[in-house]
Every structure is written in C-alpha cells, then in structure tokens.
Protein backbone atom coordinates (compact mmCIF):
# COMPACT_ATOMS: atom_id res chain seq x y z
CA UNK A 1 -0.02 -0.09 -0.32
CA UNK A 2 1.55 3.47 -0.75
CA UNK A 3 2.36 5.87 1.97
CA UNK A 4 -0.07 9.21 1.11
CA UNK A 5 0.65 12.39 2.76
CA UNK A 6 -2.54 14.37 3.90
CA UNK A 7 -3.26 17.57 2.15
CA UNK A 8 -4.22 20.70 3.38
CA UNK A 9 -7.70 20.82 1.54
CA UNK A 10 -8.20 17.60 3.17
CA UNK A 11 -6.89 18.45 6.52
CA UNK A 12 -9.79 20.91 6.08
CA UNK A 13 -12.13 18.70 4.89
CA UNK A 14 -12.25 16.31 7.42
CA UNK A 15 -12.48 18.93 10.03
CA UNK A 16 -15.65 20.60 9.11
CA UNK A 17 -17.11 17.33 8.73
CA UNK A 18 -15.68 16.98 12.47
CA UNK A 19 -17.16 20.67 13.29
CA UNK A 20 -20.67 18.95 11.74
CA UNK A 21 -20.49 16.18 13.21
CA UNK A 22 -19.71 17.07 16.88
CA UNK A 23 -22.81 19.81 16.71
CA UNK A 24 -25.21 17.04 15.50
CA UNK A 25 -24.33 15.28 18.45
CA UNK A 26 -25.09 17.66 20.25
CA UNK A 27 -28.58 19.02 18.88
CA UNK A 28 -29.43 15.29 19.03
CA UNK A 29 -28.74 15.14 23.20
CA UNK A 30 -30.02 18.41 24.00
CA UNK A 31 -32.98 18.24 25.03
CA UNK A 32 -36.44 20.89 25.93
CA UNK A 33 -37.92 21.29 29.12
CA UNK A 34 -41.44 20.88 28.44
CA UNK A 35 -42.79 21.88 32.12
CA UNK A 36 -41.49 25.61 31.63
CA UNK A 37 -45.14 28.37 33.01
CA UNK A 38 -45.11 31.02 29.70
CA UNK A 39 -43.50 33.99 30.41
CA UNK A 40 -40.84 32.25 32.95
CA UNK A 41 -37.17 31.27 32.68
CA UNK A 42 -36.20 27.29 32.98
CA UNK A 43 -33.85 26.33 35.98
CA UNK A 44 -30.56 26.31 34.76
CA UNK A 45 -28.28 23.39 35.33
CA UNK A 46 -24.66 24.03 35.34
CA UNK A 47 -21.61 21.79 36.68
CA UNK A 48 -19.31 23.32 40.12
CA UNK A 49 -15.83 23.39 40.36
CA UNK A 50 -16.48 20.21 43.04
CA UNK A 51 -18.16 18.09 40.22
CA UNK A 52 -21.41 18.52 41.54
CA UNK A 53 -25.19 19.98 39.92
CA UNK A 54 -25.94 23.74 41.14
CA UNK A 55 -29.14 23.86 39.72
CA UNK A 56 -31.55 27.87 39.68
CA UNK A 57 -34.50 28.15 39.81
CA UNK A 58 -36.16 31.55 39.33
CA UNK A 59 -39.50 32.70 41.64
CA UNK A 60 -41.44 33.65 39.65
CA UNK A 61 -43.84 34.66 42.83
CA UNK A 62 -40.74 37.61 43.63
CA UNK A 63 -41.05 41.29 43.26
CA UNK A 64 -38.10 41.90 41.15
CA UNK A 65 -36.75 45.13 39.99
CA UNK A 66 -35.04 46.08 36.97
CA UNK A 67 -31.52 47.46 36.82
CA UNK A 68 -29.94 48.37 33.74
CA UNK A 69 -26.19 49.80 33.03
CA UNK A 70 -23.47 49.54 30.07
CA UNK A 71 -19.29 49.29 30.58
CA UNK A 72 -17.00 49.76 28.18
CA UNK A 73 -13.81 48.12 27.19
CA UNK A 74 -11.70 48.64 24.28
CA UNK A 75 -10.94 45.46 21.68
CA UNK A 76 -8.79 45.11 18.71
CA UNK A 77 -11.60 46.65 16.66
CA UNK A 78 -11.84 49.59 19.06
CA UNK A 79 -14.40 50.79 21.35
CA UNK A 80 -17.27 48.50 22.81
CA UNK A 81 -19.84 48.62 24.89
CA UNK A 82 -21.77 45.78 27.17
CA UNK A 83 -24.94 46.40 28.02
CA UNK A 84 -26.67 44.58 31.51
CA UNK A 85 -29.67 44.46 32.58
CA UNK A 86 -30.60 42.06 35.29
CA UNK A 87 -33.75 41.66 36.81
CA UNK A 88 -33.12 41.52 41.09
CA UNK A 89 -35.04 40.48 44.03
CA UNK A 90 -35.87 42.33 46.94
CA UNK A 91 -33.37 40.25 49.12
CA UNK A 92 -30.97 40.92 46.05
CA UNK A 93 -30.86 38.22 44.65
CA UNK A 94 -29.88 38.36 40.32
CA UNK A 95 -32.89 36.60 38.84
CA UNK A 96 -32.93 37.83 35.33
CA UNK A 97 -29.91 38.29 33.21
CA UNK A 98 -29.74 40.17 30.05
CA UNK A 99 -26.65 41.08 28.07
CA UNK A 100 -26.12 42.41 24.78
CA UNK A 101 -23.47 44.62 22.88
CA UNK A 102 -24.51 47.01 19.63
CA UNK A 103 -20.96 45.39 18.48
CA UNK A 104 -21.02 45.10 14.18
CA UNK A 105 -17.31 43.74 14.65
CA UNK A 106 -18.19 39.47 14.24
CA UNK A 107 -15.17 38.36 16.11
CA UNK A 108 -16.54 41.03 18.66
CA UNK A 109 -20.59 39.26 19.07
CA UNK A 110 -18.57 35.91 19.44
CA UNK A 111 -15.79 36.82 21.84
CA UNK A 112 -18.94 38.36 23.57
CA UNK A 113 -21.40 35.45 23.19
CA UNK A 114 -18.73 33.68 24.20
CA UNK A 115 -18.45 35.55 27.63
CA UNK A 116 -21.93 36.02 27.96
CA UNK A 117 -22.89 32.56 27.76
CA UNK A 118 -20.41 31.56 30.85
CA UNK A 119 -21.31 34.64 33.72
CA UNK A 120 -24.68 33.86 32.73
CA UNK A 121 -25.21 31.19 34.69
CA UNK A 122 -22.06 32.57 37.44
CA UNK A 123 -24.29 35.40 38.76
CA UNK A 124 -28.28 33.94 38.60
CA UNK A 125 -29.07 32.90 41.73
CA UNK A 126 -26.75 35.09 44.11
CA UNK A 127 -26.88 38.46 45.29
CA UNK A 128 -25.46 41.54 43.53
CA UNK A 129 -22.81 42.09 46.69
CA UNK A 130 -21.74 38.78 46.05
CA UNK A 131 -21.22 38.98 42.27
CA UNK A 132 -17.21 39.60 42.18
CA UNK A 133 -15.15 41.18 38.71
CA UNK A 134 -14.27 38.65 36.17
CA UNK A 135 -11.01 37.99 34.26
CA UNK A 136 -11.61 35.37 31.31
CA UNK A 137 -14.16 33.55 30.89
CA UNK A 138 -14.65 31.03 28.48
CA UNK A 139 -11.68 32.59 26.09
CA UNK A 140 -12.62 35.58 25.91
CA UNK A 141 -10.78 38.39 27.68
CA UNK A 142 -11.37 42.05 27.46
CA UNK A 143 -14.99 41.51 27.09
CA UNK A 144 -15.33 41.40 31.66
CA UNK A 145 -13.60 45.11 31.76
CA UNK A 146 -17.13 46.02 30.41
CA UNK A 147 -18.95 43.93 32.03
CA UNK A 148 -17.10 44.73 35.24
CA UNK A 149 -17.49 48.15 34.63
CA UNK A 150 -21.13 47.53 33.93
CA UNK A 151 -22.28 44.71 37.78
CA UNK A 152 -20.11 47.85 39.81
CA UNK A 153 -22.66 50.68 38.37
CA UNK A 154 -25.54 48.03 38.69
CA UNK A 155 -24.46 47.17 42.17
CA UNK A 156 -23.72 50.69 43.31
CA UNK A 157 -27.66 51.62 41.94
CA UNK A 158 -28.95 49.03 43.90
CA UNK A 159 -26.92 50.21 47.24
CA UNK A 160 -28.62 53.46 46.78
CA UNK A 161 -32.23 52.03 46.75
C-alpha cells in the first residue's frame, strides 16, 4: 500500500466534517423543558468546580426590579460597549440577566457571546453584592472589562435603593 500525505484541503474537509458531526451530536442530546410555565425562565443546571450540580430556578412570585447599566472596553476592533440588564428581587438576588452589545464586528460578537454564555450561569441566583470581578471566561478576556464596569454600576444603584 502506498503511503500518502494528507493535503491541506483534505485536512480542512476532515476538520469541517468533525465540527459538523459534533454539532449534530450535541443537538441530538439536548432535551427541551416542557413543563416551564409561560413567561418564565427554565432552571439552569451547571457543573460547579466540585463536580456537583448547581441549579437555579427564578422565583415566579418574587418582586423583581430591573437595573440596567453599560460598560466600555477597548478591543482590537476599537471601543466596545456591553449592556447588562438584571432583574433583582427584594433580597437582592439576581433572578434574570440579559446581556448584549452593539458590536458590528463578527469577532467581537463571537467573544462577547462566549463570555455571556459563561458568565450568566455564574451570576444567576447570587446576591448582587456577591458578584465579583471576572477576568477571562470561556476564551474571552476583554469583554470582562465592560461587564465588570456595568456590574459595579448596578451594585451602586442597588445600594442606593
């Protein structure tokens, strides 16, 4: 049998096939929550560092006040803004989190999305005063600067109310 070297195009094709296969397997293993009441957020299940499950389900009866703030940071694409909107109950527990940005740059959007998906489960169910500064999360290192600034602004708003 003749020994053949893999060409760059073949390697790219193989890599693309592996990524698509992984995405399909991931989609097949995802189960939808059927018993979530309308206008509520399904509970989040996340593995914590000790290997146990951490579950957070917002209290549908809690009186929630929405706080909003923005934070800025500089990326290679220029000035970026992170928008944070938190629903905080009367015990100062974060019940909901809506994180967004106005970035038009695809790379910035990608890293912001990676950060948002990693930070959201870490703040839901915590008291706003317990949320500390984040650094690098899920491969995103710059977005945290704007997020931390917004969280500090919200913490100040909550402290005044």
